[in-house]
């Protein structure tokens, strides 16, 4: 009978050691924290300002560890008219796992957008800006729609540019 007790004690000790090892493994796995993704509006902060009666500058402040695709920008008027003569700065060429060879922006992107004659007459520019970016950890966001506006010079007192976040319509 003695060997059965010894065998049972050995099994208990092995199970206890295995349980300790699993506990340690789960504890260290919990201690290794997954990086938290920023909300897209925080990763890609948008602002706008009027440069003159004919153009506004849309600026994106891009968080550290994030980038935006140059060819994923789209600018529309409040009435839905696509603006084609947008001046995008040159980006840095990147071999992207999702889109192949493409240009991207890091830290900041300043984009010059023309003002329509209708917006000039109203003295205010309202734009729908669509963009897309990714985090370096390998996560890309769905295209983001943001709504911005800016008062043109020569109109009523300087009003700060407004930003309204929006989802898909």
C-alpha atoms as a PDB file:
ATOM      1  CA  UNK A   1       0.000   0.000   0.000  1.00  0.00           C
ATOM      2  CA  UNK A   2       2.914   2.284   0.655  1.00  0.00           C
ATOM      3  CA  UNK A   3       3.802   2.669  -3.095  1.00  0.00           C
ATOM      4  CA  UNK A   4       0.230   3.764  -3.885  1.00  0.00           C
ATOM      5  CA  UNK A   5       0.444   6.535  -1.288  1.00  0.00           C
ATOM      6  CA  UNK A   6       3.859   7.572  -2.596  1.00  0.00           C
ATOM      7  CA  UNK A   7       2.511   7.592  -6.157  1.00  0.00           C
ATOM      8  CA  UNK A   8      -0.518   9.633  -5.058  1.00  0.00           C
ATOM      9  CA  UNK A   9       1.701  12.150  -3.237  1.00  0.00           C
ATOM     10  CA  UNK A  10       3.911  12.428  -6.337  1.00  0.00           C
ATOM     11  CA  UNK A  11       0.840  13.099  -8.503  1.00  0.00           C
ATOM     12  CA  UNK A  12      -0.382  15.715  -6.028  1.00  0.00           C
ATOM     13  CA  UNK A  13       3.016  17.414  -5.960  1.00  0.00           C
ATOM     14  CA  UNK A  14       3.178  17.413  -9.789  1.00  0.00           C
ATOM     15  CA  UNK A  15      -0.319  18.806 -10.063  1.00  0.00           C
ATOM     16  CA  UNK A  16       0.526  21.503  -7.520  1.00  0.00           C
ATOM     17  CA  UNK A  17       3.709  22.459  -9.421  1.00  0.00           C
ATOM     18  CA  UNK A  18       1.763  22.520 -12.701  1.00  0.00           C
ATOM     19  CA  UNK A  19      -0.909  24.712 -11.120  1.00  0.00           C
ATOM     20  CA  UNK A  20       1.761  27.119  -9.849  1.00  0.00           C
ATOM     21  CA  UNK A  21       3.366  27.240 -13.305  1.00  0.00           C
ATOM     22  CA  UNK A  22       0.000  28.001 -14.956  1.00  0.00           C
ATOM     23  CA  UNK A  23      -0.756  30.694 -12.402  1.00  0.00           C
ATOM     24  CA  UNK A  24       2.631  32.298 -13.039  1.00  0.00           C
ATOM     25  CA  UNK A  25       2.118  32.102 -16.810  1.00  0.00           C
ATOM     26  CA  UNK A  26      -1.310  33.749 -16.627  1.00  0.00           C
ATOM     27  CA  UNK A  27      -0.036  36.397 -14.221  1.00  0.00           C
ATOM     28  CA  UNK A  28       2.855  37.340 -16.506  1.00  0.00           C
ATOM     29  CA  UNK A  29       0.558  37.298 -19.546  1.00  0.00           C
ATOM     30  CA  UNK A  30      -1.781  39.697 -17.759  1.00  0.00           C
ATOM     31  CA  UNK A  31       1.187  41.891 -16.840  1.00  0.00           C
ATOM     32  CA  UNK A  32       2.150  42.179 -20.537  1.00  0.00           C
ATOM     33  CA  UNK A  33      -0.390  44.790 -21.503  1.00  0.00           C
ATOM     34  CA  UNK A  34      -1.667  45.021 -25.050  1.00  0.00           C
ATOM     35  CA  UNK A  35      -1.106  48.486 -26.510  1.00  0.00           C
ATOM     36  CA  UNK A  36      -4.291  50.530 -26.436  1.00  0.00           C
ATOM     37  CA  UNK A  37      -5.532  51.971 -29.699  1.00  0.00           C
ATOM     38  CA  UNK A  38      -6.582  55.595 -29.762  1.00  0.00           C
ATOM     39  CA  UNK A  39     -10.007  56.549 -31.011  1.00  0.00           C
ATOM     40  CA  UNK A  40      -9.550  57.658 -34.648  1.00  0.00           C
ATOM     41  CA  UNK A  41     -10.507  61.256 -33.801  1.00  0.00           C
ATOM     42  CA  UNK A  42      -7.649  61.337 -31.280  1.00  0.00           C
ATOM     43  CA  UNK A  43      -5.138  59.529 -33.483  1.00  0.00           C
ATOM     44  CA  UNK A  44      -5.884  61.890 -36.398  1.00  0.00           C
ATOM     45  CA  UNK A  45      -6.833  65.322 -34.995  1.00  0.00           C
ATOM     46  CA  UNK A  46      -8.251  67.650 -37.621  1.00  0.00           C
ATOM     47  CA  UNK A  47      -8.360  71.446 -37.672  1.00  0.00           C
ATOM     48  CA  UNK A  48      -8.921  74.055 -40.338  1.00  0.00           C
ATOM     49  CA  UNK A  49      -8.239  77.716 -40.990  1.00  0.00           C
ATOM     50  CA  UNK A  50      -8.891  80.104 -43.832  1.00  0.00           C
ATOM     51  CA  UNK A  51      -5.752  81.117 -45.713  1.00  0.00           C
ATOM     52  CA  UNK A  52      -7.535  83.693 -47.864  1.00  0.00           C
ATOM     53  CA  UNK A  53     -10.824  84.093 -49.790  1.00  0.00           C
ATOM     54  CA  UNK A  54      -9.866  81.283 -52.169  1.00  0.00           C
ATOM     55  CA  UNK A  55      -8.446  78.547 -49.947  1.00  0.00           C
ATOM     56  CA  UNK A  56      -8.453  76.931 -46.536  1.00  0.00           C
ATOM     57  CA  UNK A  57      -5.860  74.756 -44.883  1.00  0.00           C
ATOM     58  CA  UNK A  58      -6.948  71.468 -43.344  1.00  0.00           C
ATOM     59  CA  UNK A  59      -4.371  70.148 -40.884  1.00  0.00           C
ATOM     60  CA  UNK A  60      -4.133  66.695 -39.362  1.00  0.00           C
ATOM     61  CA  UNK A  61      -2.046  66.217 -36.225  1.00  0.00           C
ATOM     62  CA  UNK A  62      -1.123  62.537 -36.339  1.00  0.00           C
ATOM     63  CA  UNK A  63      -0.364  60.782 -33.051  1.00  0.00           C
ATOM     64  CA  UNK A  64       2.954  59.030 -32.470  1.00  0.00           C
ATOM     65  CA  UNK A  65       2.763  55.451 -33.774  1.00  0.00           C
ATOM     66  CA  UNK A  66       0.107  56.267 -36.369  1.00  0.00           C
ATOM     67  CA  UNK A  67       0.112  57.258 -40.047  1.00  0.00           C
ATOM     68  CA  UNK A  68      -2.342  58.346 -42.725  1.00  0.00           C
ATOM     69  CA  UNK A  69      -2.597  57.374 -46.384  1.00  0.00           C
ATOM     70  CA  UNK A  70      -2.114  60.202 -48.879  1.00  0.00           C
ATOM     71  CA  UNK A  71      -4.419  58.665 -51.474  1.00  0.00           C
ATOM     72  CA  UNK A  72      -7.268  58.072 -49.002  1.00  0.00           C
ATOM     73  CA  UNK A  73      -8.215  61.741 -48.563  1.00  0.00           C
ATOM     74  CA  UNK A  74     -11.450  63.032 -50.042  1.00  0.00           C
ATOM     75  CA  UNK A  75     -12.888  66.544 -49.687  1.00  0.00           C
ATOM     76  CA  UNK A  76     -16.491  67.508 -50.378  1.00  0.00           C
ATOM     77  CA  UNK A  77     -18.531  70.668 -49.922  1.00  0.00           C
ATOM     78  CA  UNK A  78     -21.499  70.678 -47.560  1.00  0.00           C
ATOM     79  CA  UNK A  79     -23.706  70.183 -50.621  1.00  0.00           C
ATOM     80  CA  UNK A  80     -21.769  67.034 -51.583  1.00  0.00           C
ATOM     81  CA  UNK A  81     -19.658  68.456 -54.423  1.00  0.00           C
ATOM     82  CA  UNK A  82     -16.295  66.656 -54.664  1.00  0.00           C
ATOM     83  CA  UNK A  83     -13.330  69.053 -54.647  1.00  0.00           C
ATOM     84  CA  UNK A  84     -10.687  68.009 -57.141  1.00  0.00           C
ATOM     85  CA  UNK A  85      -8.011  70.738 -56.957  1.00  0.00           C
ATOM     86  CA  UNK A  86      -6.836  69.870 -53.456  1.00  0.00           C
ATOM     87  CA  UNK A  87      -3.084  70.359 -52.872  1.00  0.00           C
ATOM     88  CA  UNK A  88      -1.755  67.381 -50.937  1.00  0.00           C
ATOM     89  CA  UNK A  89       1.871  67.500 -49.801  1.00  0.00           C
ATOM     90  CA  UNK A  90       4.164  64.728 -50.895  1.00  0.00           C
ATOM     91  CA  UNK A  91       4.223  61.835 -48.449  1.00  0.00           C
ATOM     92  CA  UNK A  92       6.831  59.273 -47.544  1.00  0.00           C
ATOM     93  CA  UNK A  93       6.727  56.121 -49.690  1.00  0.00           C
ATOM     94  CA  UNK A  94       5.934  53.019 -47.652  1.00  0.00           C
ATOM     95  CA  UNK A  95       5.579  49.372 -48.586  1.00  0.00           C
ATOM     96  CA  UNK A  96       2.268  48.758 -46.876  1.00  0.00           C
ATOM     97  CA  UNK A  97       1.004  45.254 -46.043  1.00  0.00           C
ATOM     98  CA  UNK A  98      -2.565  46.332 -46.844  1.00  0.00           C
ATOM     99  CA  UNK A  99      -2.200  48.601 -49.895  1.00  0.00           C
ATOM    100  CA  UNK A 100       1.260  47.873 -51.325  1.00  0.00           C
ATOM    101  CA  UNK A 101       3.560  50.775 -52.228  1.00  0.00           C
ATOM    102  CA  UNK A 102       1.847  53.971 -51.108  1.00  0.00           C
ATOM    103  CA  UNK A 103       2.571  57.427 -49.693  1.00  0.00           C
ATOM    104  CA  UNK A 104       1.868  58.117 -46.048  1.00  0.00           C
ATOM    105  CA  UNK A 105       2.018  61.004 -43.583  1.00  0.00           C
ATOM    106  CA  UNK A 106       3.326  60.934 -40.043  1.00  0.00           C
ATOM    107  CA  UNK A 107       3.105  63.619 -37.337  1.00  0.00           C
ATOM    108  CA  UNK A 108       1.337  66.207 -39.501  1.00  0.00           C
ATOM    109  CA  UNK A 109      -0.341  66.731 -42.854  1.00  0.00           C
ATOM    110  CA  UNK A 110      -1.241  70.233 -44.090  1.00  0.00           C
ATOM    111  CA  UNK A 111      -3.612  70.203 -47.050  1.00  0.00           C
ATOM    112  CA  UNK A 112      -4.677  73.235 -49.085  1.00  0.00           C
ATOM    113  CA  UNK A 113      -8.316  73.058 -50.189  1.00  0.00           C
ATOM    114  CA  UNK A 114      -9.911  75.462 -52.699  1.00  0.00           C
ATOM    115  CA  UNK A 115     -13.000  77.455 -51.725  1.00  0.00           C
ATOM    116  CA  UNK A 116     -16.004  77.302 -54.046  1.00  0.00           C
ATOM    117  CA  UNK A 117     -17.651  80.492 -55.277  1.00  0.00           C
ATOM    118  CA  UNK A 118     -20.783  79.581 -53.282  1.00  0.00           C
ATOM    119  CA  UNK A 119     -18.706  79.323 -50.086  1.00  0.00           C
ATOM    120  CA  UNK A 120     -16.968  82.618 -50.927  1.00  0.00           C
ATOM    121  CA  UNK A 121     -20.349  84.314 -51.241  1.00  0.00           C
ATOM    122  CA  UNK A 122     -21.487  82.902 -47.864  1.00  0.00           C
ATOM    123  CA  UNK A 123     -18.167  83.758 -46.206  1.00  0.00           C
ATOM    124  CA  UNK A 124     -17.906  80.339 -44.609  1.00  0.00           C
ATOM    125  CA  UNK A 125     -16.511  77.025 -45.792  1.00  0.00           C
ATOM    126  CA  UNK A 126     -18.078  73.768 -44.649  1.00  0.00           C
ATOM    127  CA  UNK A 127     -16.300  70.584 -45.667  1.00  0.00           C
ATOM    128  CA  UNK A 128     -16.782  66.875 -45.304  1.00  0.00           C
ATOM    129  CA  UNK A 129     -13.304  65.326 -45.053  1.00  0.00           C
ATOM    130  CA  UNK A 130     -12.821  61.593 -45.489  1.00  0.00           C
ATOM    131  CA  UNK A 131      -9.477  60.055 -44.555  1.00  0.00           C
ATOM    132  CA  UNK A 132      -7.936  56.761 -43.514  1.00  0.00           C
ATOM    133  CA  UNK A 133      -5.030  55.872 -41.294  1.00  0.00           C
ATOM    134  CA  UNK A 134      -3.431  53.028 -39.387  1.00  0.00           C
ATOM    135  CA  UNK A 135      -1.536  52.291 -36.199  1.00  0.00           C
ATOM    136  CA  UNK A 136       1.981  50.887 -36.431  1.00  0.00           C
ATOM    137  CA  UNK A 137       0.851  47.801 -34.506  1.00  0.00           C
ATOM    138  CA  UNK A 138      -0.908  46.635 -37.679  1.00  0.00           C
ATOM    139  CA  UNK A 139      -4.448  47.922 -37.218  1.00  0.00           C
ATOM    140  CA  UNK A 140      -6.065  50.094 -39.885  1.00  0.00           C
ATOM    141  CA  UNK A 141      -9.155  52.165 -39.207  1.00  0.00           C
ATOM    142  CA  UNK A 142     -12.194  52.256 -41.452  1.00  0.00           C
ATOM    143  CA  UNK A 143     -12.393  55.485 -43.464  1.00  0.00           C
ATOM    144  CA  UNK A 144     -13.217  58.371 -41.138  1.00  0.00           C
ATOM    145  CA  UNK A 145     -15.654  61.157 -42.027  1.00  0.00           C
ATOM    146  CA  UNK A 146     -15.169  64.478 -40.255  1.00  0.00           C
ATOM    147  CA  UNK A 147     -16.958  67.777 -40.801  1.00  0.00           C
ATOM    148  CA  UNK A 148     -15.080  71.070 -40.493  1.00  0.00           C
ATOM    149  CA  UNK A 149     -15.819  74.699 -41.167  1.00  0.00           C
ATOM    150  CA  UNK A 150     -13.907  77.959 -41.305  1.00  0.00           C
ATOM    151  CA  UNK A 151     -14.926  81.604 -41.690  1.00  0.00           C
ATOM    152  CA  UNK A 152     -13.306  83.380 -44.590  1.00  0.00           C
ATOM    153  CA  UNK A 153     -11.466  86.665 -43.994  1.00  0.00           C
ATOM    154  CA  UNK A 154     -13.373  89.881 -44.462  1.00  0.00           C
ATOM    155  CA  UNK A 155     -16.564  88.555 -42.899  1.00  0.00           C
ATOM    156  CA  UNK A 156     -17.917  88.853 -39.368  1.00  0.00           C
ATOM    157  CA  UNK A 157     -15.533  88.810 -36.404  1.00  0.00           C
ATOM    158  CA  UNK A 158     -13.027  85.999 -36.238  1.00  0.00           C
ATOM    159  CA  UNK A 159     -14.772  82.854 -35.160  1.00  0.00           C
ATOM    160  CA  UNK A 160     -12.600  79.855 -34.417  1.00  0.00           C
ATOM    161  CA  UNK A 161     -12.829  76.958 -36.826  1.00  0.00           C
ATOM    162  CA  UNK A 162     -15.319  74.355 -35.733  1.00  0.00           C
ATOM    163  CA  UNK A 163     -15.056  70.612 -36.013  1.00  0.00           C
ATOM    164  CA  UNK A 164     -17.986  68.257 -35.921  1.00  0.00           C
ATOM    165  CA  UNK A 165     -17.291  64.532 -35.852  1.00  0.00           C
ATOM    166  CA  UNK A 166     -19.562  62.274 -37.810  1.00  0.00           C
ATOM    167  CA  UNK A 167     -20.006  58.740 -38.908  1.00  0.00           C
ATOM    168  CA  UNK A 168     -21.140  57.320 -42.202  1.00  0.00           C
ATOM    169  CA  UNK A 169     -24.232  58.720 -43.747  1.00  0.00           C
END
